[in-house]
C-alpha cells in the first residue's frame, strides 16, 4: 500500500485534527440552523446543551486526542497507536457523535453507550501508556481525561445532573489546557527567541507555574461543584490573575513577527481573562453575564489553543516549515474575532443577534481557512 494511502491510519493527528476541524464547522452550522428555526438534531439533550456538549466532546476532545496520541510516543518512548486500533478509536469518536446526536431515535441506553465509549477508551489508552512508561510527569493529563470520561457518563446517564457533568467537562479541558499550554507556550517561545539570538528568554518552569496549575485545578473544580459560591469565585479570580502573571514572564511582546508563536500567548491570555470573568460572573451575574465568561474560556481560550496546536503540529509532522502563512494567520485572526464578538454579544444585549452572527461567521471562517490550507499536508511526507 502506498504511504499516502496508509497515512490517515498511521498518523493520529491526520484523523483527529481533521475531524476536529470538520466537526467544529459542521456542529456550528447545525446550531445556527436551530437558532434560525430549523428542527434541532434528534438528541435527548436540549439544543443549547447539545451545542455545548459537542463543542467539548466532539470538537475539543478530538483535537486533544490528536495531540496526545501524537505526543505520547515522545513522552513515553513507547510505540504509537497506529493502524486498526487507531481507526477503531476514531470510529468510536464518530459513533459518539451519532449516539448523542440521534439519542432520541436510538434510545437513552444505546445512545449513552455510544457516547461514553470514546472518552473512556481515550482515557484508558493514555493512562495505560503513562503507567507502563512510568511517565509520572503526565499523571495530570491522565487524571483530566478520566474526569472527562466520568463527566460524560454523568451527562448521559443522569440527565438531572447534566449541568454538573458539563461544568466538570469544561473544568477537565481547562486543566489540560493549563498543563499543556503552560508547558508549550514558554518552551516554543524560548526556542524561537533563542534561534534568533535573543538574550532575554522566558524562564524555565518554577514554583509560580506549579502554583498556577494547582490554582486552576482547584478553582475550576470548585466552580463546577459550587458555581455561585464566593470561595469558588475568589479562587477563579486568583487563578486568572496568576495565569496572566505567568504570561507576563513569557515575552509575548517579542513574538509578533511569528503568528505561530504569538497565537499561543493569545490563547493563554484568553484563559486568564476568562477565569477572571467567570469569577466575577459567578457572584455578580447582574453585572457580568455568565455567558461572556464562559465564551471567553470556550471560544477564546480553548478555540484559540486548539487551532494553535493543530496548525503547529500539522506543519511539523508534515515536514513543513514552522511558519504561519497568510491562510493560517487569517484563521488565527478569525478565531480572535469569533471570541471577541461572542463575549461582546453577551455583554451588549441590544446588539446580541448581530454580534452572535458575526462571531459564528468568524468561527466558521477559521475552519474553512485551515481546512483549505491543510488539504494536502498529510500527504507531503511518508507516514513511516
Protein backbone atom coordinates (compact mmCIF):
# COMPACT_ATOMS: atom_id res chain seq x y z
CA UNK A 1 0.00 0.00 0.00
CA UNK A 2 1.46 3.42 -0.90
CA UNK A 3 2.42 5.63 2.01
CA UNK A 4 -0.20 8.22 1.09
CA UNK A 5 -2.92 5.62 1.47
CA UNK A 6 -1.55 4.49 4.83
CA UNK A 7 -1.16 7.99 6.26
CA UNK A 8 -4.62 8.54 7.76
CA UNK A 9 -4.44 5.18 9.56
CA UNK A 10 -0.92 5.65 10.88
CA UNK A 11 -0.91 9.31 11.88
CA UNK A 12 -3.28 10.25 14.72
CA UNK A 13 -3.13 13.96 14.00
CA UNK A 14 -4.50 13.41 10.49
CA UNK A 15 -7.60 11.59 11.68
CA UNK A 16 -8.34 13.60 14.78
CA UNK A 17 -7.24 17.11 13.83
CA UNK A 18 -9.13 16.79 10.57
CA UNK A 19 -12.19 15.53 12.42
CA UNK A 20 -11.97 18.36 14.95
CA UNK A 21 -11.86 20.96 12.20
CA UNK A 22 -14.70 19.42 10.19
CA UNK A 23 -16.89 18.92 13.24
CA UNK A 24 -16.09 22.38 14.61
CA UNK A 25 -17.51 23.74 11.37
CA UNK A 26 -20.40 21.28 10.93
CA UNK A 27 -21.63 21.43 14.53
CA UNK A 28 -21.67 25.21 14.41
CA UNK A 29 -23.66 25.20 11.17
CA UNK A 30 -26.16 22.76 12.70
CA UNK A 31 -26.53 25.01 15.75
CA UNK A 32 -27.00 28.07 13.57
CA UNK A 33 -29.74 26.21 11.72
CA UNK A 34 -31.51 25.52 15.01
CA UNK A 35 -31.22 29.17 16.01
CA UNK A 36 -32.63 30.09 12.61
CA UNK A 37 -35.72 27.96 13.12
CA UNK A 38 -34.75 24.60 11.63
CA UNK A 39 -35.59 21.41 13.58
CA UNK A 40 -32.94 20.50 16.16
CA UNK A 41 -30.89 17.33 15.96
CA UNK A 42 -32.84 14.34 17.37
CA UNK A 43 -30.94 14.35 20.66
CA UNK A 44 -32.26 13.84 24.17
CA UNK A 45 -30.12 16.83 25.10
CA UNK A 46 -31.76 20.21 24.62
CA UNK A 47 -30.47 22.30 21.73
CA UNK A 48 -28.22 24.53 23.85
CA UNK A 49 -27.00 21.57 25.90
CA UNK A 50 -26.20 19.61 22.71
CA UNK A 51 -24.26 22.58 21.32
CA UNK A 52 -22.18 22.95 24.49
CA UNK A 53 -21.63 19.19 24.67
CA UNK A 54 -20.39 18.87 21.11
CA UNK A 55 -18.01 21.80 21.40
CA UNK A 56 -16.32 19.94 24.27
CA UNK A 57 -16.69 16.22 23.50
CA UNK A 58 -16.90 16.47 19.71
CA UNK A 59 -14.60 19.34 18.73
CA UNK A 60 -12.18 19.87 21.63
CA UNK A 61 -11.76 16.23 22.60
CA UNK A 62 -10.96 15.21 19.01
CA UNK A 63 -8.20 17.82 18.95
CA UNK A 64 -6.96 16.68 22.36
CA UNK A 65 -6.86 13.08 21.11
CA UNK A 66 -4.88 14.08 18.04
CA UNK A 67 -2.33 15.93 20.13
CA UNK A 68 -1.96 13.33 22.89
CA UNK A 69 -1.74 10.30 20.59
CA UNK A 70 0.93 12.11 18.58
CA UNK A 71 2.85 13.28 21.66
CA UNK A 72 2.65 10.09 23.74
CA UNK A 73 5.46 8.23 21.91
CA UNK A 74 7.77 11.19 22.60
CA UNK A 75 6.70 11.36 26.23
CA UNK A 76 6.89 7.64 26.96
CA UNK A 77 9.26 6.11 24.40
CA UNK A 78 6.56 3.57 23.61
CA UNK A 79 5.10 2.69 20.19
CA UNK A 80 2.44 4.97 18.74
CA UNK A 81 -1.17 3.86 18.35
CA UNK A 82 -1.45 3.02 14.65
CA UNK A 83 -3.43 1.01 12.12
CA UNK A 84 -6.68 -0.74 13.06
CA UNK A 85 -6.60 0.22 16.78
CA UNK A 86 -6.29 3.88 15.83
CA UNK A 87 -9.09 3.62 13.28
CA UNK A 88 -11.25 1.80 15.86
CA UNK A 89 -10.71 4.66 18.31
CA UNK A 90 -11.64 7.19 15.64
CA UNK A 91 -14.78 5.21 14.79
CA UNK A 92 -15.68 5.34 18.48
CA UNK A 93 -15.49 9.15 18.22
CA UNK A 94 -17.79 9.04 15.17
CA UNK A 95 -20.19 6.70 16.99
CA UNK A 96 -20.25 9.07 19.95
CA UNK A 97 -21.44 11.92 17.71
CA UNK A 98 -24.26 9.67 16.48
CA UNK A 99 -25.03 8.41 19.96
CA UNK A 100 -25.54 11.92 21.29
CA UNK A 101 -26.98 13.50 18.16
CA UNK A 102 -29.52 10.73 17.50
CA UNK A 103 -30.19 9.63 21.08
CA UNK A 104 -33.90 10.46 20.78
CA UNK A 105 -34.12 7.89 17.98
CA UNK A 106 -31.71 5.32 19.40
CA UNK A 107 -32.98 5.48 22.96
CA UNK A 108 -31.05 6.58 26.03
CA UNK A 109 -29.26 3.26 26.79
CA UNK A 110 -27.77 2.79 23.32
CA UNK A 111 -27.08 6.49 22.87
CA UNK A 112 -25.34 6.62 26.23
CA UNK A 113 -23.24 3.56 25.45
CA UNK A 114 -22.08 5.00 22.13
CA UNK A 115 -21.35 8.36 23.75
CA UNK A 116 -19.12 7.10 26.55
CA UNK A 117 -17.01 4.61 24.58
CA UNK A 118 -14.67 7.20 23.07
CA UNK A 119 -13.77 9.25 26.17
CA UNK A 120 -13.40 6.07 28.22
CA UNK A 121 -11.21 4.43 25.58
CA UNK A 122 -9.02 7.52 25.11
CA UNK A 123 -8.57 7.92 28.87
CA UNK A 124 -7.71 4.24 29.20
CA UNK A 125 -5.14 4.32 26.40
CA UNK A 126 -3.38 7.41 27.72
CA UNK A 127 -3.43 6.15 31.29
CA UNK A 128 -2.02 2.77 30.21
CA UNK A 129 0.85 4.33 28.26
CA UNK A 130 1.74 6.71 31.09
CA UNK A 131 1.74 3.94 33.71
CA UNK A 132 3.67 1.43 31.60
CA UNK A 133 6.33 4.03 30.87
CA UNK A 134 6.29 5.31 34.48
CA UNK A 135 5.86 8.76 32.97
CA UNK A 136 4.61 10.25 36.24
CA UNK A 137 5.09 13.80 35.00
CA UNK A 138 1.95 13.39 32.90
CA UNK A 139 -0.31 11.86 35.53
CA UNK A 140 -2.26 15.13 35.50
CA UNK A 141 -3.12 14.52 31.84
CA UNK A 142 -4.47 11.06 32.68
CA UNK A 143 -6.47 12.47 35.61
CA UNK A 144 -8.06 15.16 33.44
CA UNK A 145 -9.06 12.59 30.83
CA UNK A 146 -10.59 10.36 33.50
CA UNK A 147 -12.62 13.32 34.76
CA UNK A 148 -13.77 13.99 31.19
CA UNK A 149 -14.88 10.39 30.80
CA UNK A 150 -16.68 10.48 34.17
CA UNK A 151 -18.42 13.72 33.27
CA UNK A 152 -19.70 12.17 30.02
CA UNK A 153 -21.12 9.24 32.00
CA UNK A 154 -22.84 11.74 34.29
CA UNK A 155 -24.30 13.69 31.37
CA UNK A 156 -25.75 10.71 29.52
CA UNK A 157 -26.74 8.53 32.48
CA UNK A 158 -28.12 11.14 34.90
CA UNK A 159 -29.96 13.89 32.98
CA UNK A 160 -30.77 15.77 36.20
CA UNK A 161 -27.01 16.17 36.79
CA UNK A 162 -26.24 17.19 33.22
CA UNK A 163 -25.31 20.73 34.21
CA UNK A 164 -22.78 19.43 36.73
CA UNK A 165 -21.43 17.00 34.15
CA UNK A 166 -20.87 19.75 31.60
CA UNK A 167 -19.19 22.01 34.15
CA UNK A 168 -16.88 19.16 35.15
CA UNK A 169 -16.11 18.51 31.47
CA UNK A 170 -15.19 22.14 30.91
CA UNK A 171 -13.02 22.08 34.04
CA UNK A 172 -11.19 18.98 32.75
CA UNK A 173 -10.48 20.58 29.38
CA UNK A 174 -9.18 23.71 31.13
CA UNK A 175 -6.89 21.51 33.26
CA UNK A 176 -5.44 20.05 30.07
CA UNK A 177 -5.11 23.50 28.54
CA UNK A 178 -3.28 24.67 31.64
CA UNK A 179 -0.96 21.67 31.71
CA UNK A 180 -0.13 21.56 28.02
CA UNK A 181 -0.42 25.24 27.16
CA UNK A 182 1.56 26.14 30.26
CA UNK A 183 4.43 23.96 29.00
CA UNK A 184 4.49 24.60 25.29
CA UNK A 185 3.86 28.37 25.27
CA UNK A 186 7.08 29.34 27.12
CA UNK A 187 9.01 26.40 25.60
CA UNK A 188 8.21 27.22 21.97
CA UNK A 189 8.73 30.92 22.68
CA UNK A 190 12.11 30.20 24.25
CA UNK A 191 13.17 28.03 21.30
CA UNK A 192 12.01 30.60 18.76
CA UNK A 193 13.74 33.51 20.51
CA UNK A 194 16.93 31.52 21.07
CA UNK A 195 17.09 30.64 17.37
CA UNK A 196 17.11 34.36 16.65
CA UNK A 197 19.87 35.10 19.12
CA UNK A 198 17.64 36.83 21.67
CA UNK A 199 19.17 37.30 25.10
CA UNK A 200 16.06 37.65 27.24
CA UNK A 201 14.14 34.36 27.32
CA UNK A 202 11.07 33.08 29.19
CA UNK A 203 12.06 31.48 32.49
CA UNK A 204 12.07 27.72 32.92
CA UNK A 205 9.12 26.31 34.91
CA UNK A 206 9.25 27.20 38.60
CA UNK A 207 7.04 27.36 41.69
CA UNK A 208 4.82 30.07 40.22
CA UNK A 209 3.94 27.79 37.32
CA UNK A 210 3.20 24.88 39.66
CA UNK A 211 1.09 27.10 41.88
CA UNK A 212 -0.76 28.44 38.87
CA UNK A 213 -1.75 24.94 37.74
CA UNK A 214 -2.85 23.95 41.25
CA UNK A 215 -4.97 27.09 41.46
CA UNK A 216 -6.50 26.39 38.06
CA UNK A 217 -7.50 22.86 39.09
CA UNK A 218 -8.88 23.94 42.47
CA UNK A 219 -10.76 26.94 41.06
CA UNK A 220 -12.44 25.16 38.16
CA UNK A 221 -13.32 22.12 40.28
CA UNK A 222 -14.79 24.39 42.95
CA UNK A 223 -16.80 26.25 40.32
CA UNK A 224 -18.07 23.01 38.79
CA UNK A 225 -19.31 21.80 42.17
CA UNK A 226 -20.50 25.14 43.61
CA UNK A 227 -20.76 27.63 40.72
CA UNK A 228 -22.17 30.53 42.75
CA UNK A 229 -20.16 30.11 45.97
CA UNK A 230 -17.89 33.05 46.80
CA UNK A 231 -14.82 30.86 47.66
CA UNK A 232 -15.02 29.34 44.18
CA UNK A 233 -15.29 32.81 42.65
CA UNK A 234 -12.31 34.06 44.65
CA UNK A 235 -10.23 31.08 43.53
CA UNK A 236 -11.22 31.68 39.91
CA UNK A 237 -10.11 35.30 40.06
CA UNK A 238 -6.86 34.35 41.77
CA UNK A 239 -6.23 31.63 39.17
CA UNK A 240 -6.93 34.09 36.37
CA UNK A 241 -4.59 36.70 37.82
CA UNK A 242 -1.85 34.08 38.27
CA UNK A 243 -2.28 32.90 34.67
CA UNK A 244 -1.83 36.47 33.43
CA UNK A 245 1.17 36.95 35.72
CA UNK A 246 2.76 33.84 34.21
CA UNK A 247 2.00 35.17 30.72
CA UNK A 248 3.78 38.41 31.56
CA UNK A 249 7.03 36.46 32.02
CA UNK A 250 6.81 34.66 28.69
CA UNK A 251 7.95 37.53 26.40
CA UNK A 252 4.77 37.64 24.32
CA UNK A 253 5.63 41.13 23.05
CA UNK A 254 8.70 39.73 21.28
CA UNK A 255 6.79 37.18 19.20
CA UNK A 256 4.75 39.45 16.92
CA UNK A 257 6.96 38.54 13.98
CA UNK A 258 5.72 34.92 14.05
CA UNK A 259 1.96 34.34 14.46
CA UNK A 260 2.57 30.60 15.01
CA UNK A 261 4.17 31.51 18.36
CA UNK A 262 2.14 34.61 19.17
CA UNK A 263 -1.18 32.73 18.92
CA UNK A 264 -0.20 30.56 21.90
CA UNK A 265 0.10 33.70 24.01
CA UNK A 266 -3.25 34.94 22.75
CA UNK A 267 -4.90 31.68 23.78
CA UNK A 268 -3.29 31.85 27.22
CA UNK A 269 -4.40 35.47 27.64
CA UNK A 270 -7.98 34.35 26.97
CA UNK A 271 -7.57 31.70 29.66
CA UNK A 272 -6.51 34.22 32.27
CA UNK A 273 -9.15 36.73 31.26
CA UNK A 274 -11.85 34.07 31.11
CA UNK A 275 -11.08 32.80 34.62
CA UNK A 276 -11.24 36.36 35.97
CA UNK A 277 -14.55 37.00 34.20
CA UNK A 278 -16.02 33.71 35.39
CA UNK A 279 -15.14 34.56 38.97
CA UNK A 280 -16.86 37.94 38.67
CA UNK A 281 -19.89 36.49 36.89
CA UNK A 282 -20.27 33.72 39.48
CA UNK A 283 -21.06 36.15 42.30
CA UNK A 284 -22.21 39.25 40.40
CA UNK A 285 -24.22 37.87 37.45
CA UNK A 286 -26.29 41.06 37.44
CA UNK A 287 -23.15 42.99 36.48
CA UNK A 288 -21.50 40.48 34.15
CA UNK A 289 -23.38 37.90 32.10
CA UNK A 290 -22.02 34.39 32.78
CA UNK A 291 -22.22 33.71 29.03
CA UNK A 292 -19.48 36.27 28.43
CA UNK A 293 -17.11 34.48 30.80
CA UNK A 294 -17.93 31.00 29.51
CA UNK A 295 -17.36 32.00 25.90
CA UNK A 296 -14.10 33.77 26.79
CA UNK A 297 -12.96 30.36 28.02
CA UNK A 298 -14.53 28.16 25.35
CA UNK A 299 -14.19 30.19 22.15
CA UNK A 300 -11.30 32.35 23.32
CA UNK A 301 -9.03 30.04 25.32
CA UNK A 302 -9.99 26.57 24.07
CA UNK A 303 -10.75 27.56 20.47
CA UNK A 304 -7.54 29.56 20.10
CA UNK A 305 -5.32 26.96 21.75
CA UNK A 306 -6.85 24.18 19.68
CA UNK A 307 -6.13 25.86 16.37
CA UNK A 308 -2.68 26.92 17.59
CA UNK A 309 -1.70 23.34 18.43
CA UNK A 310 -3.42 21.85 15.38
CA UNK A 311 -1.69 24.20 12.97
CA UNK A 312 1.76 23.84 14.52
CA UNK A 313 1.63 20.05 14.86
CA UNK A 314 0.21 19.60 11.36
CA UNK A 315 3.00 21.66 9.84
CA UNK A 316 5.74 19.98 11.84
CA UNK A 317 4.56 16.41 11.29
CA UNK A 318 4.04 17.03 7.59
CA UNK A 319 7.60 18.22 7.06
CA UNK A 320 6.64 21.87 6.53
CA UNK A 321 8.48 24.92 7.92
CA UNK A 322 7.10 26.11 11.26
CA UNK A 323 5.90 29.40 9.81
CA UNK A 324 2.33 30.70 9.69
CA UNK A 325 1.48 31.79 6.16
CA UNK A 326 -1.37 34.08 5.19
CA UNK A 327 -4.04 31.37 5.34
CA UNK A 328 -3.05 30.26 8.83
CA UNK A 329 -2.70 33.81 10.12
CA UNK A 330 -6.11 34.69 8.70
CA UNK A 331 -7.51 31.70 10.61
CA UNK A 332 -5.98 32.98 13.83
CA UNK A 333 -7.45 36.44 13.26
CA UNK A 334 -10.86 34.94 12.52
CA UNK A 335 -10.82 32.94 15.77
CA UNK A 336 -9.90 36.04 17.74
CA UNK A 337 -12.78 37.84 16.07
CA UNK A 338 -15.12 34.98 16.94
CA UNK A 339 -14.10 35.08 20.59
CA UNK A 340 -14.20 38.86 21.00
CA UNK A 341 -17.60 39.29 19.35
CA UNK A 342 -19.13 36.30 21.18
CA UNK A 343 -18.10 37.79 24.51
CA UNK A 344 -19.40 41.18 23.37
CA UNK A 345 -22.72 39.61 22.37
CA UNK A 346 -23.34 38.55 25.97
CA UNK A 347 -22.40 41.99 27.24
CA UNK A 348 -24.43 44.04 24.71
CA UNK A 349 -27.94 42.54 24.60
CA UNK A 350 -29.22 45.23 22.21
CA UNK A 351 -26.74 44.00 19.59
CA UNK A 352 -26.82 40.33 20.56
CA UNK A 353 -28.10 38.85 17.31
CA UNK A 354 -25.77 40.83 15.06
CA UNK A 355 -22.71 40.10 17.20
CA UNK A 356 -23.67 36.44 17.52
CA UNK A 357 -23.99 36.13 13.75
CA UNK A 358 -20.62 37.79 13.20
CA UNK A 359 -18.99 35.56 15.81
CA UNK A 360 -20.41 32.42 14.20
CA UNK A 361 -19.25 33.59 10.78
CA UNK A 362 -15.73 34.15 12.12
CA UNK A 363 -15.72 30.72 13.78
CA UNK A 364 -16.77 29.01 10.56
CA UNK A 365 -14.26 31.04 8.55
CA UNK A 366 -11.47 29.85 10.85
CA UNK A 367 -12.01 26.22 9.95
CA UNK A 368 -12.69 26.84 6.28
CA UNK A 369 -9.33 28.65 6.08
CA UNK A 370 -7.43 25.97 7.99
CA UNK A 371 -9.03 23.08 6.12
CA UNK A 372 -8.18 24.76 2.82
CA UNK A 373 -4.58 25.35 3.89
CA UNK A 374 -4.09 21.81 5.18
CA UNK A 375 -5.97 19.92 2.50
CA UNK A 376 -2.73 18.36 1.17
CA UNK A 377 -0.42 18.44 4.19
CA UNK A 378 -0.87 14.81 5.38
CA UNK A 379 0.42 13.51 2.06
CA UNK A 380 3.59 15.57 1.84
CA UNK A 381 5.78 13.11 3.72
CA UNK A 382 5.81 9.36 4.18
CA UNK A 383 3.97 8.22 7.28
CA UNK A 384 6.79 5.85 8.04
